[in-house]
PDB file of N, CA and C in Angstrom:
ATOM      1  N   MET A   1      73.005 100.610  77.484  1.00  0.00           N
ATOM      2  CA  MET A   1      72.452 101.512  78.473  1.00  0.00           C
ATOM      3  C   MET A   1      72.425 100.845  79.858  1.00  0.00           C
ATOM      4  N   ILE A   2      71.953  99.592  79.924  1.00  0.00           N
ATOM      5  CA  ILE A   2      71.868  98.900  81.206  1.00  0.00           C
ATOM      6  C   ILE A   2      73.274  98.662  81.767  1.00  0.00           C
ATOM      7  N   THR A   3      74.225  98.339  80.892  1.00  0.00           N
ATOM      8  CA  THR A   3      75.604  98.142  81.352  1.00  0.00           C
ATOM      9  C   THR A   3      76.136  99.416  81.986  1.00  0.00           C
ATOM     10  N   LYS A   4      75.855 100.553  81.373  1.00  0.00           N
ATOM     11  CA  LYS A   4      76.313 101.831  81.917  1.00  0.00           C
ATOM     12  C   LYS A   4      75.702 102.089  83.290  1.00  0.00           C
ATOM     13  N   ILE A   5      74.428 101.785  83.456  1.00  0.00           N
ATOM     14  CA  ILE A   5      73.756 101.980  84.746  1.00  0.00           C
ATOM     15  C   ILE A   5      74.357 101.043  85.788  1.00  0.00           C
ATOM     16  N   LEU A   6      74.556  99.767  85.433  1.00  0.00           N
ATOM     17  CA  LEU A   6      75.119  98.804  86.380  1.00  0.00           C
ATOM     18  C   LEU A   6      76.545  99.172  86.767  1.00  0.00           C
ATOM     19  N   ASN A   7      77.336  99.659  85.804  1.00  0.00           N
ATOM     20  CA  ASN A   7      78.705 100.051  86.109  1.00  0.00           C
ATOM     21  C   ASN A   7      78.761 101.226  87.074  1.00  0.00           C
ATOM     22  N   ASN A   8      77.784 102.095  87.027  1.00  0.00           N
ATOM     23  CA  ASN A   8      77.783 103.285  87.865  1.00  0.00           C
ATOM     24  C   ASN A   8      77.118 103.069  89.212  1.00  0.00           C
ATOM     25  N   VAL A   9      76.288 102.052  89.356  1.00  0.00           N
ATOM     26  CA  VAL A   9      75.507 101.901  90.569  1.00  0.00           C
ATOM     27  C   VAL A   9      75.822 100.628  91.338  1.00  0.00           C
ATOM     28  N   ALA A  10      75.874  99.521  90.674  1.00  0.00           N
ATOM     29  CA  ALA A  10      75.956  98.238  91.360  1.00  0.00           C
ATOM     30  C   ALA A  10      77.395  97.798  91.596  1.00  0.00           C
ATOM     31  N   ASP A  11      77.629  97.249  92.772  1.00  0.00           N
ATOM     32  CA  ASP A  11      78.936  96.696  93.101  1.00  0.00           C
ATOM     33  C   ASP A  11      78.926  95.215  92.739  1.00  0.00           C
ATOM     34  N   LEU A  12      78.884  94.962  91.449  1.00  0.00           N
ATOM     35  CA  LEU A  12      78.853  93.592  90.942  1.00  0.00           C
ATOM     36  C   LEU A  12      80.240  93.213  90.431  1.00  0.00           C
ATOM     37  N   PRO A  13      80.632  91.962  90.603  1.00  0.00           N
ATOM     38  CA  PRO A  13      81.938  91.525  90.099  1.00  0.00           C
ATOM     39  C   PRO A  13      82.079  91.819  88.607  1.00  0.00           C
ATOM     40  N   GLY A  14      83.261  92.332  88.238  1.00  0.00           N
ATOM     41  CA  GLY A  14      83.541  92.602  86.831  1.00  0.00           C
ATOM     42  C   GLY A  14      83.186  94.008  86.385  1.00  0.00           C
ATOM     43  N   THR A  15      82.471  94.771  87.205  1.00  0.00           N
ATOM     44  CA  THR A  15      82.107  96.131  86.809  1.00  0.00           C
ATOM     45  C   THR A  15      83.256  97.092  87.123  1.00  0.00           C
ATOM     46  N   GLN A  16      83.248  98.233  86.468  1.00  0.00           N
ATOM     47  CA  GLN A  16      84.256  99.248  86.740  1.00  0.00           C
ATOM     48  C   GLN A  16      84.168  99.702  88.198  1.00  0.00           C
ATOM     49  N   TYR A  17      82.959  99.821  88.695  1.00  0.00           N
ATOM     50  CA  TYR A  17      82.759 100.245  90.084  1.00  0.00           C
ATOM     51  C   TYR A  17      83.406  99.249  91.041  1.00  0.00           C
ATOM     52  N   ASN A  18      83.209  97.977  90.792  1.00  0.00           N
ATOM     53  CA  ASN A  18      83.784  96.934  91.631  1.00  0.00           C
ATOM     54  C   ASN A  18      85.310  96.970  91.577  1.00  0.00           C
ATOM     55  N   ARG A  19      85.874  97.152  90.385  1.00  0.00           N
ATOM     56  CA  ARG A  19      87.333  97.256  90.259  1.00  0.00           C
ATOM     57  C   ARG A  19      87.846  98.487  90.989  1.00  0.00           C
ATOM     58  N   GLY A  20      87.100  99.577  90.944  1.00  0.00           N
ATOM     59  CA  GLY A  20      87.494 100.788  91.659  1.00  0.00           C
ATOM     60  C   GLY A  20      87.475 100.590  93.161  1.00  0.00           C
ATOM     61  N   ILE A  21      86.445  99.910  93.658  1.00  0.00           N
ATOM     62  CA  ILE A  21      86.347  99.620  95.096  1.00  0.00           C
ATOM     63  C   ILE A  21      87.536  98.758  95.527  1.00  0.00           C
ATOM     64  N   LYS A  22      87.857  97.740  94.739  1.00  0.00           N
ATOM     65  CA  LYS A  22      88.988  96.864  95.067  1.00  0.00           C
ATOM     66  C   LYS A  22      90.309  97.627  95.023  1.00  0.00           C
ATOM     67  N   ALA A  23      90.478  98.487  94.022  1.00  0.00           N
ATOM     68  CA  ALA A  23      91.716  99.266  93.908  1.00  0.00           C
ATOM     69  C   ALA A  23      91.847 100.225  95.087  1.00  0.00           C
ATOM     70  N   GLY A  24      90.746 100.864  95.481  1.00  0.00           N
ATOM     71  CA  GLY A  24      90.772 101.768  96.628  1.00  0.00           C
ATOM     72  C   GLY A  24      91.125 101.039  97.910  1.00  0.00           C
ATOM     73  N   SER A  25      90.563  99.853  98.091  1.00  0.00           N
ATOM     74  CA  SER A  25      90.877  99.047  99.275  1.00  0.00           C
ATOM     75  C   SER A  25      92.336  98.630  99.287  1.00  0.00           C
ATOM     76  N   SER A  26      92.846  98.246  98.130  1.00  0.00           N
ATOM     77  CA  SER A  26      94.246  97.849  98.022  1.00  0.00           C
ATOM     78  C   SER A  26      95.172  99.030  98.314  1.00  0.00           C
ATOM     79  N   LEU A  27      94.829 100.190  97.788  1.00  0.00           N
ATOM     80  CA  LEU A  27      95.631 101.389  98.028  1.00  0.00           C
ATOM     81  C   LEU A  27      95.632 101.754  99.501  1.00  0.00           C
ATOM     82  N   ARG A  28      94.470 101.724 100.130  1.00  0.00           N
ATOM     83  CA  ARG A  28      94.379 102.038 101.557  1.00  0.00           C
ATOM     84  C   ARG A  28      95.167 101.026 102.401  1.00  0.00           C
ATOM     85  N   LYS A  29      95.154  99.769 101.983  1.00  0.00           N
ATOM     86  CA  LYS A  29      95.911  98.734 102.692  1.00  0.00           C
ATOM     87  C   LYS A  29      97.403  99.029 102.615  1.00  0.00           C
ATOM     88  N   GLU A  30      97.896  99.428 101.457  1.00  0.00           N
ATOM     89  CA  GLU A  30      99.314  99.762 101.285  1.00  0.00           C
ATOM     90  C   GLU A  30      99.699 100.988 102.121  1.00  0.00           C
ATOM     91  N   ILE A  31      98.833 101.984 102.141  1.00  0.00           N
ATOM     92  CA  ILE A  31      99.111 103.186 102.925  1.00  0.00           C
ATOM     93  C   ILE A  31      99.105 102.850 104.411  1.00  0.00           C
ATOM     94  N   ARG A  32      98.148 102.024 104.844  1.00  0.00           N
ATOM     95  CA  ARG A  32      98.085 101.598 106.252  1.00  0.00           C
ATOM     96  C   ARG A  32      99.370 100.871 106.644  1.00  0.00           C
ATOM     97  N   ALA A  33      99.882 100.028 105.743  1.00  0.00           N
ATOM     98  CA  ALA A  33     101.126  99.302 106.020  1.00  0.00           C
ATOM     99  C   ALA A  33     102.309 100.274 106.119  1.00  0.00           C
ATOM    100  N   ALA A  34     102.328 101.301 105.267  1.00  0.00           N
ATOM    101  CA  ALA A  34     103.405 102.297 105.321  1.00  0.00           C
ATOM    102  C   ALA A  34     103.344 103.082 106.627  1.00  0.00           C
ATOM    103  N   ILE A  35     102.145 103.422 107.069  1.00  0.00           N
ATOM    104  CA  ILE A  35     101.977 104.143 108.337  1.00  0.00           C
ATOM    105  C   ILE A  35     102.435 103.266 109.496  1.00  0.00           C
ATOM    106  N   LYS A  36     102.023 102.007 109.473  1.00  0.00           N
ATOM    107  CA  LYS A  36     102.413 101.080 110.538  1.00  0.00           C
ATOM    108  C   LYS A  36     103.931 100.933 110.601  1.00  0.00           C
ATOM    109  N   GLN A  37     104.570 100.804 109.442  1.00  0.00           N
ATOM    110  CA  GLN A  37     106.023 100.680 109.394  1.00  0.00           C
ATOM    111  C   GLN A  37     106.693 101.942 109.908  1.00  0.00           C
ATOM    112  N   ARG A  38     106.166 103.096 109.517  1.00  0.00           N
ATOM    113  CA  ARG A  38     106.758 104.357 109.969  1.00  0.00           C
ATOM    114  C   ARG A  38     106.613 104.507 111.474  1.00  0.00           C
ATOM    115  N   LYS A  39     105.441 104.143 112.021  1.00  0.00           N
ATOM    116  CA  LYS A  39     105.246 104.201 113.476  1.00  0.00           C
ATOM    117  C   LYS A  39     106.213 103.264 114.183  1.00  0.00           C
ATOM    118  N   HIS A  40     106.400 102.077 113.627  1.00  0.00           N
ATOM    119  CA  HIS A  40     107.323 101.094 114.201  1.00  0.00           C
ATOM    120  C   HIS A  40     108.748 101.634 114.203  1.00  0.00           C
ATOM    121  N   ASP A  41     109.161 102.216 113.086  1.00  0.00           N
ATOM    122  CA  ASP A  41     110.509 102.778 112.983  1.00  0.00           C
ATOM    123  C   ASP A  41     110.707 103.915 113.987  1.00  0.00           C
ATOM    124  N   LEU A  42     109.701 104.760 114.118  1.00  0.00           N
ATOM    125  CA  LEU A  42     109.800 105.874 115.061  1.00  0.00           C
ATOM    126  C   LEU A  42     109.817 105.379 116.509  1.00  0.00           C
ATOM    127  N   ALA A  43     109.032 104.337 116.799  1.00  0.00           N
ATOM    128  CA  ALA A  43     108.978 103.796 118.158  1.00  0.00           C
ATOM    129  C   ALA A  43     110.317 103.177 118.558  1.00  0.00           C
ATOM    130  N   GLU A  44     110.987 102.562 117.584  1.00  0.00           N
ATOM    131  CA  GLU A  44     112.287 101.950 117.865  1.00  0.00           C
ATOM    132  C   GLU A  44     113.424 102.960 117.795  1.00  0.00           C
ATOM    133  N   ASN A  45     113.077 104.193 117.437  1.00  0.00           N
ATOM    134  CA  ASN A  45     114.065 105.276 117.355  1.00  0.00           C
ATOM    135  C   ASN A  45     115.276 104.852 116.528  1.00  0.00           C
ATOM    136  N   LYS A  46     115.011 104.454 115.304  1.00  0.00           N
ATOM    137  CA  LYS A  46     116.085 103.982 114.437  1.00  0.00           C
ATOM    138  C   LYS A  46     116.953 105.122 113.908  1.00  0.00           C
ATOM    139  N   GLY A  47     116.697 106.317 114.374  1.00  0.00           N
ATOM    140  CA  GLY A  47     117.493 107.443 113.934  1.00  0.00           C
ATOM    141  C   GLY A  47     117.126 107.934 112.554  1.00  0.00           C
ATOM    142  N   LEU A  48     116.020 107.426 112.043  1.00  0.00           N
ATOM    143  CA  LEU A  48     115.577 107.853 110.727  1.00  0.00           C
ATOM    144  C   LEU A  48     114.840 109.180 110.844  1.00  0.00           C
ATOM    145  N   VAL A  49     115.348 110.170 110.193  1.00  0.00           N
ATOM    146  CA  VAL A  49     114.655 111.452 110.153  1.00  0.00           C
ATOM    147  C   VAL A  49     114.194 111.634 108.721  1.00  0.00           C
ATOM    148  N   VAL A  50     112.938 111.360 108.503  1.00  0.00           N
ATOM    149  CA  VAL A  50     112.371 111.446 107.170  1.00  0.00           C
ATOM    150  C   VAL A  50     111.515 112.703 107.107  1.00  0.00           C
ATOM    151  N   HIS A  51     111.782 113.523 106.135  1.00  0.00           N
ATOM    152  CA  HIS A  51     111.032 114.763 105.972  1.00  0.00           C
ATOM    153  C   HIS A  51     110.150 114.628 104.734  1.00  0.00           C
ATOM    154  N   ASP A  52     109.075 113.902 104.883  1.00  0.00           N
ATOM    155  CA  ASP A  52     108.118 113.773 103.796  1.00  0.00           C
ATOM    156  C   ASP A  52     106.731 114.110 104.325  1.00  0.00           C
ATOM    157  N   ILE A  53     105.767 114.099 103.443  1.00  0.00           N
ATOM    158  CA  ILE A  53     104.418 114.513 103.832  1.00  0.00           C
ATOM    159  C   ILE A  53     103.816 113.557 104.855  1.00  0.00           C
ATOM    160  N   LEU A  54     104.105 112.274 104.757  1.00  0.00           N
ATOM    161  CA  LEU A  54     103.571 111.317 105.720  1.00  0.00           C
ATOM    162  C   LEU A  54     104.087 111.622 107.119  1.00  0.00           C
ATOM    163  N   SER A  55     105.371 111.893 107.243  1.00  0.00           N
ATOM    164  CA  SER A  55     105.943 112.214 108.550  1.00  0.00           C
ATOM    165  C   SER A  55     105.324 113.478 109.140  1.00  0.00           C
ATOM    166  N   HIS A  56     105.154 114.471 108.301  1.00  0.00           N
ATOM    167  CA  HIS A  56     104.573 115.726 108.777  1.00  0.00           C
ATOM    168  C   HIS A  56     103.119 115.543 109.204  1.00  0.00           C
ATOM    169  N   LEU A  57     102.367 114.768 108.440  1.00  0.00           N
ATOM    170  CA  LEU A  57     100.969 114.528 108.813  1.00  0.00           C
ATOM    171  C   LEU A  57     100.869 113.694 110.085  1.00  0.00           C
ATOM    172  N   MET A  58     101.778 112.733 110.254  1.00  0.00           N
ATOM    173  CA  MET A  58     101.744 111.906 111.459  1.00  0.00           C
ATOM    174  C   MET A  58     102.107 112.716 112.698  1.00  0.00           C
ATOM    175  N   ALA A  59     102.928 113.742 112.526  1.00  0.00           N
ATOM    176  CA  ALA A  59     103.341 114.570 113.664  1.00  0.00           C
ATOM    177  C   ALA A  59     102.380 115.725 113.938  1.00  0.00           C
ATOM    178  N   ALA A  60     101.472 115.991 113.007  1.00  0.00           N
ATOM    179  CA  ALA A  60     100.563 117.133 113.152  1.00  0.00           C
ATOM    180  C   ALA A  60      99.524 116.870 114.241  1.00  0.00           C
ATOM    181  N   MET A  61      99.180 117.945 114.933  1.00  0.00           N
ATOM    182  CA  MET A  61      98.156 117.872 115.980  1.00  0.00           C
ATOM    183  C   MET A  61      97.079 118.909 115.704  1.00  0.00           C
ATOM    184  N   ASP A  62      95.887 118.605 116.172  1.00  0.00           N
ATOM    185  CA  ASP A  62      94.813 119.581 116.036  1.00  0.00           C
ATOM    186  C   ASP A  62      94.860 120.575 117.197  1.00  0.00           C
ATOM    187  N   GLU A  63      93.851 121.442 117.271  1.00  0.00           N
ATOM    188  CA  GLU A  63      93.810 122.479 118.297  1.00  0.00           C
ATOM    189  C   GLU A  63      93.755 121.906 119.710  1.00  0.00           C
ATOM    190  N   GLU A  64      93.271 120.695 119.832  1.00  0.00           N
ATOM    191  CA  GLU A  64      93.121 120.066 121.142  1.00  0.00           C
ATOM    192  C   GLU A  64      94.304 119.171 121.496  1.00  0.00           C
ATOM    193  N   GLY A  65      95.349 119.190 120.694  1.00  0.00           N
ATOM    194  CA  GLY A  65      96.546 118.420 120.981  1.00  0.00           C
ATOM    195  C   GLY A  65      96.471 116.951 120.625  1.00  0.00           C
ATOM    196  N   ARG A  66      95.519 116.577 119.783  1.00  0.00           N
ATOM    197  CA  ARG A  66      95.389 115.174 119.362  1.00  0.00           C
ATOM    198  C   ARG A  66      96.032 114.986 117.997  1.00  0.00           C
ATOM    199  N   TYR A  67      96.633 113.815 117.834  1.00  0.00           N
ATOM    200  CA  TYR A  67      97.193 113.469 116.535  1.00  0.00           C
ATOM    201  C   TYR A  67      96.070 113.123 115.566  1.00  0.00           C
ATOM    202  N   ILE A  68      96.367 113.206 114.287  1.00  0.00           N
ATOM    203  CA  ILE A  68      95.392 112.843 113.254  1.00  0.00           C
ATOM    204  C   ILE A  68      95.146 111.344 113.347  1.00  0.00           C
ATOM    205  N   SER A  69      93.878 110.950 113.307  1.00  0.00           N
ATOM    206  CA  SER A  69      93.545 109.525 113.396  1.00  0.00           C
ATOM    207  C   SER A  69      94.029 108.799 112.141  1.00  0.00           C
ATOM    208  N   GLU A  70      94.239 107.502 112.266  1.00  0.00           N
ATOM    209  CA  GLU A  70      94.741 106.729 111.127  1.00  0.00           C
ATOM    210  C   GLU A  70      93.804 106.772 109.925  1.00  0.00           C
ATOM    211  N   PRO A  71      92.481 106.593 110.117  1.00  0.00           N
ATOM    212  CA  PRO A  71      91.600 106.693 108.940  1.00  0.00           C
ATOM    213  C   PRO A  71      91.672 108.065 108.259  1.00  0.00           C
ATOM    214  N   ASP A  72      91.745 109.134 109.048  1.00  0.00           N
ATOM    215  CA  ASP A  72      91.867 110.469 108.454  1.00  0.00           C
ATOM    216  C   ASP A  72      93.202 110.637 107.748  1.00  0.00           C
ATOM    217  N   LEU A  73      94.242 110.089 108.333  1.00  0.00           N
ATOM    218  CA  LEU A  73      95.573 110.148 107.735  1.00  0.00           C
ATOM    219  C   LEU A  73      95.581 109.414 106.390  1.00  0.00           C
ATOM    220  N   ILE A  74      94.976 108.254 106.365  1.00  0.00           N
ATOM    221  CA  ILE A  74      94.888 107.478 105.117  1.00  0.00           C
ATOM    222  C   ILE A  74      94.105 108.262 104.074  1.00  0.00           C
ATOM    223  N   ASN A  75      92.973 108.841 104.469  1.00  0.00           N
ATOM    224  CA  ASN A  75      92.173 109.625 103.526  1.00  0.00           C
ATOM    225  C   ASN A  75      92.942 110.830 102.998  1.00  0.00           C
ATOM    226  N   MET A  76      93.736 111.463 103.856  1.00  0.00           N
ATOM    227  CA  MET A  76      94.537 112.610 103.406  1.00  0.00           C
ATOM    228  C   MET A  76      95.576 112.181 102.378  1.00  0.00           C
ATOM    229  N   ILE A  77      96.230 111.058 102.627  1.00  0.00           N
ATOM    230  CA  ILE A  77      97.238 110.566 101.685  1.00  0.00           C
ATOM    231  C   ILE A  77      96.583 110.185 100.363  1.00  0.00           C
ATOM    232  N   VAL A  78      95.439 109.506 100.418  1.00  0.00           N
ATOM    233  CA  VAL A  78      94.725 109.147  99.185  1.00  0.00           C
ATOM    234  C   VAL A  78      94.335 110.413  98.426  1.00  0.00           C
ATOM    235  N   THR A  79      93.840 111.407  99.141  1.00  0.00           N
ATOM    236  CA  THR A  79      93.460 112.672  98.507  1.00  0.00           C
ATOM    237  C   THR A  79      94.669 113.325  97.850  1.00  0.00           C
ATOM    238  N   LEU A  80      95.805 113.329  98.536  1.00  0.00           N
ATOM    239  CA  LEU A  80      97.020 113.900  97.944  1.00  0.00           C
ATOM    240  C   LEU A  80      97.451 113.135  96.698  1.00  0.00           C
ATOM    241  N   LEU A  81      97.352 111.823  96.742  1.00  0.00           N
ATOM    242  CA  LEU A  81      97.721 111.029  95.567  1.00  0.00           C
ATOM    243  C   LEU A  81      96.805 111.325  94.382  1.00  0.00           C
ATOM    244  N   LEU A  82      95.505 111.399  94.667  1.00  0.00           N
ATOM    245  CA  LEU A  82      94.555 111.647  93.584  1.00  0.00           C
ATOM    246  C   LEU A  82      94.680 113.058  93.032  1.00  0.00           C
ATOM    247  N   THR A  83      94.836 114.029  93.920  1.00  0.00           N
ATOM    248  CA  THR A  83      94.930 115.401  93.435  1.00  0.00           C
ATOM    249  C   THR A  83      96.249 115.665  92.729  1.00  0.00           C
ATOM    250  N   SER A  84      97.289 114.928  93.079  1.00  0.00           N
ATOM    251  CA  SER A  84      98.543 115.113  92.351  1.00  0.00           C
ATOM    252  C   SER A  84      98.453 114.503  90.958  1.00  0.00           C
ATOM    253  N   HIS A  85      97.519 113.613  90.783  1.00  0.00           N
ATOM    254  CA  HIS A  85      97.337 112.977  89.481  1.00  0.00           C
ATOM    255  C   HIS A  85      96.406 113.789  88.595  1.00  0.00           C
ATOM    256  N   ASP A  86      95.467 114.465  89.191  1.00  0.00           N
ATOM    257  CA  ASP A  86      94.510 115.257  88.425  1.00  0.00           C
ATOM    258  C   ASP A  86      95.104 116.597  88.012  1.00  0.00           C
ATOM    259  N   SER A  87      94.352 117.284  87.215  1.00  0.00           N
ATOM    260  CA  SER A  87      94.812 118.594  86.753  1.00  0.00           C
ATOM    261  C   SER A  87      94.685 119.634  87.859  1.00  0.00           C
ATOM    262  N   VAL A  88      95.286 120.761  87.631  1.00  0.00           N
ATOM    263  CA  VAL A  88      95.250 121.847  88.610  1.00  0.00           C
ATOM    264  C   VAL A  88      93.810 122.310  88.853  1.00  0.00           C
ATOM    265  N   SER A  89      93.016 122.366  87.824  1.00  0.00           N
ATOM    266  CA  SER A  89      91.634 122.827  88.008  1.00  0.00           C
ATOM    267  C   SER A  89      90.832 121.865  88.881  1.00  0.00           C
ATOM    268  N   ALA A  90      91.087 120.580  88.755  1.00  0.00           N
ATOM    269  CA  ALA A  90      90.384 119.614  89.606  1.00  0.00           C
ATOM    270  C   ALA A  90      90.836 119.763  91.056  1.00  0.00           C
ATOM    271  N   THR A  91      92.109 120.054  91.270  1.00  0.00           N
ATOM    272  CA  THR A  91      92.627 120.257  92.617  1.00  0.00           C
ATOM    273  C   THR A  91      92.007 121.502  93.241  1.00  0.00           C
ATOM    274  N   ILE A  92      91.948 122.566  92.483  1.00  0.00           N
ATOM    275  CA  ILE A  92      91.337 123.794  92.990  1.00  0.00           C
ATOM    276  C   ILE A  92      89.873 123.557  93.327  1.00  0.00           C
ATOM    277  N   THR A  93      89.179 122.804  92.501  1.00  0.00           N
ATOM    278  CA  THR A  93      87.777 122.484  92.767  1.00  0.00           C
ATOM    279  C   THR A  93      87.639 121.703  94.070  1.00  0.00           C
ATOM    280  N   ALA A  94      88.524 120.738  94.305  1.00  0.00           N
ATOM    281  CA  ALA A  94      88.475 119.956  95.546  1.00  0.00           C
ATOM    282  C   ALA A  94      88.743 120.844  96.752  1.00  0.00           C
ATOM    283  N   VAL A  95      89.697 121.757  96.639  1.00  0.00           N
ATOM    284  CA  VAL A  95      89.999 122.664  97.749  1.00  0.00           C
ATOM    285  C   VAL A  95      88.794 123.539  98.063  1.00  0.00           C
ATOM    286  N   VAL A  96      88.173 124.088  97.037  1.00  0.00           N
ATOM    287  CA  VAL A  96      86.991 124.931  97.249  1.00  0.00           C
ATOM    288  C   VAL A  96      85.868 124.120  97.889  1.00  0.00           C
ATOM    289  N   LYS A  97      85.694 122.877  97.457  1.00  0.00           N
ATOM    290  CA  LYS A  97      84.667 122.006  98.041  1.00  0.00           C
ATOM    291  C   LYS A  97      84.931 121.795  99.531  1.00  0.00           C
ATOM    292  N   PHE A  98      86.186 121.473  99.883  1.00  0.00           N
ATOM    293  CA  PHE A  98      86.518 121.237 101.285  1.00  0.00           C
ATOM    294  C   PHE A  98      86.377 122.508 102.111  1.00  0.00           C
ATOM    295  N   LEU A  99      86.747 123.634 101.536  1.00  0.00           N
ATOM    296  CA  LEU A  99      86.593 124.899 102.251  1.00  0.00           C
ATOM    297  C   LEU A  99      85.119 125.236 102.474  1.00  0.00           C
ATOM    298  N   ALA A 100      84.288 124.887 101.516  1.00  0.00           N
ATOM    299  CA  ALA A 100      82.849 125.128 101.675  1.00  0.00           C
ATOM    300  C   ALA A 100      82.259 124.208 102.740  1.00  0.00           C
ATOM    301  N   GLU A 101      82.782 122.984 102.829  1.00  0.00           N
ATOM    302  CA  GLU A 101      82.277 122.039 103.820  1.00  0.00           C
ATOM    303  C   GLU A 101      82.758 122.374 105.231  1.00  0.00           C
ATOM    304  N   ILE A 102      83.974 122.900 105.355  1.00  0.00           N
ATOM    305  CA  ILE A 102      84.558 123.196 106.668  1.00  0.00           C
ATOM    306  C   ILE A 102      85.077 124.640 106.638  1.00  0.00           C
ATOM    307  N   PRO A 103      84.199 125.623 106.788  1.00  0.00           N
ATOM    308  CA  PRO A 103      84.614 127.020 106.654  1.00  0.00           C
ATOM    309  C   PRO A 103      85.634 127.475 107.694  1.00  0.00           C
ATOM    310  N   SER A 104      85.689 126.819 108.828  1.00  0.00           N
ATOM    311  CA  SER A 104      86.652 127.239 109.853  1.00  0.00           C
ATOM    312  C   SER A 104      88.091 127.026 109.408  1.00  0.00           C
ATOM    313  N   VAL A 105      88.316 126.184 108.410  1.00  0.00           N
ATOM    314  CA  VAL A 105      89.662 125.880 107.939  1.00  0.00           C
ATOM    315  C   VAL A 105      90.319 127.099 107.292  1.00  0.00           C
ATOM    316  N   TYR A 106      89.541 127.935 106.632  1.00  0.00           N
ATOM    317  CA  TYR A 106      90.158 129.046 105.905  1.00  0.00           C
ATOM    318  C   TYR A 106      90.192 130.352 106.680  1.00  0.00           C
ATOM    319  N   VAL A 107      89.792 130.361 107.936  1.00  0.00           N
ATOM    320  CA  VAL A 107      89.839 131.584 108.732  1.00  0.00           C
ATOM    321  C   VAL A 107      91.279 132.034 108.937  1.00  0.00           C
ATOM    322  N   THR A 108      92.167 131.131 109.332  1.00  0.00           N
ATOM    323  CA  THR A 108      93.568 131.493 109.581  1.00  0.00           C
ATOM    324  C   THR A 108      94.271 131.958 108.304  1.00  0.00           C
ATOM    325  N   PRO A 109      94.200 131.225 107.185  1.00  0.00           N
ATOM    326  CA  PRO A 109      94.854 131.714 105.976  1.00  0.00           C
ATOM    327  C   PRO A 109      94.279 133.048 105.504  1.00  0.00           C
ATOM    328  N   ARG A 110      92.970 133.234 105.638  1.00  0.00           N
ATOM    329  CA  ARG A 110      92.362 134.494 105.217  1.00  0.00           C
ATOM    330  C   ARG A 110      92.868 135.628 106.091  1.00  0.00           C
ATOM    331  N   HIS A 111      92.974 135.386 107.398  1.00  0.00           N
ATOM    332  CA  HIS A 111      93.488 136.400 108.317  1.00  0.00           C
ATOM    333  C   HIS A 111      94.950 136.711 107.976  1.00  0.00           C
ATOM    334  N   PHE A 112      95.734 135.683 107.707  1.00  0.00           N
ATOM    335  CA  PHE A 112      97.145 135.864 107.353  1.00  0.00           C
ATOM    336  C   PHE A 112      97.278 136.685 106.074  1.00  0.00           C
ATOM    337  N   LEU A 113      96.489 136.324 105.063  1.00  0.00           N
ATOM    338  CA  LEU A 113      96.580 137.028 103.772  1.00  0.00           C
ATOM    339  C   LEU A 113      96.110 138.484 103.898  1.00  0.00           C
ATOM    340  N   SER A 114      95.087 138.719 104.677  1.00  0.00           N
ATOM    341  CA  SER A 114      94.597 140.096 104.821  1.00  0.00           C
ATOM    342  C   SER A 114      95.604 140.976 105.550  1.00  0.00           C
ATOM    343  N   ASN A 115      96.436 140.390 106.397  1.00  0.00           N
ATOM    344  CA  ASN A 115      97.445 141.165 107.114  1.00  0.00           C
ATOM    345  C   ASN A 115      98.742 141.345 106.324  1.00  0.00           C
ATOM    346  N   THR A 116      98.977 140.524 105.321  1.00  0.00           N
ATOM    347  CA  THR A 116     100.238 140.605 104.586  1.00  0.00           C
ATOM    348  C   THR A 116     100.083 141.271 103.220  1.00  0.00           C
ATOM    349  N   CYS A 117      98.900 141.297 102.701  1.00  0.00           N
ATOM    350  CA  CYS A 117      98.702 141.861 101.345  1.00  0.00           C
ATOM    351  C   CYS A 117      98.286 143.318 101.401  1.00  0.00           C
TER     352      CYS A 117
END
């Protein structure tokens, strides 16, 4: 019982929680390196035209004309990796959670769907 509590709460060496924190940090480090490399390649104009999700997210701008920040970009990539690994129901649950947290996100799709259906 105590082991279960420590694994879920404490960031102690050897616990599942600690291994998860380390794995998450390692994953974010790899994604940060990929973003840095992609920015470097684009800055040098190596003629690489890559049409993947990372390129599209790096080129995306918000309503105010700002690019997505690196921490947000990393979180989006991690979310995509995790949701692609989970089942469809878990993905739908995450989408509903995000829509509930940021209701302004679904105004445009709802407007689009109401006009096309």
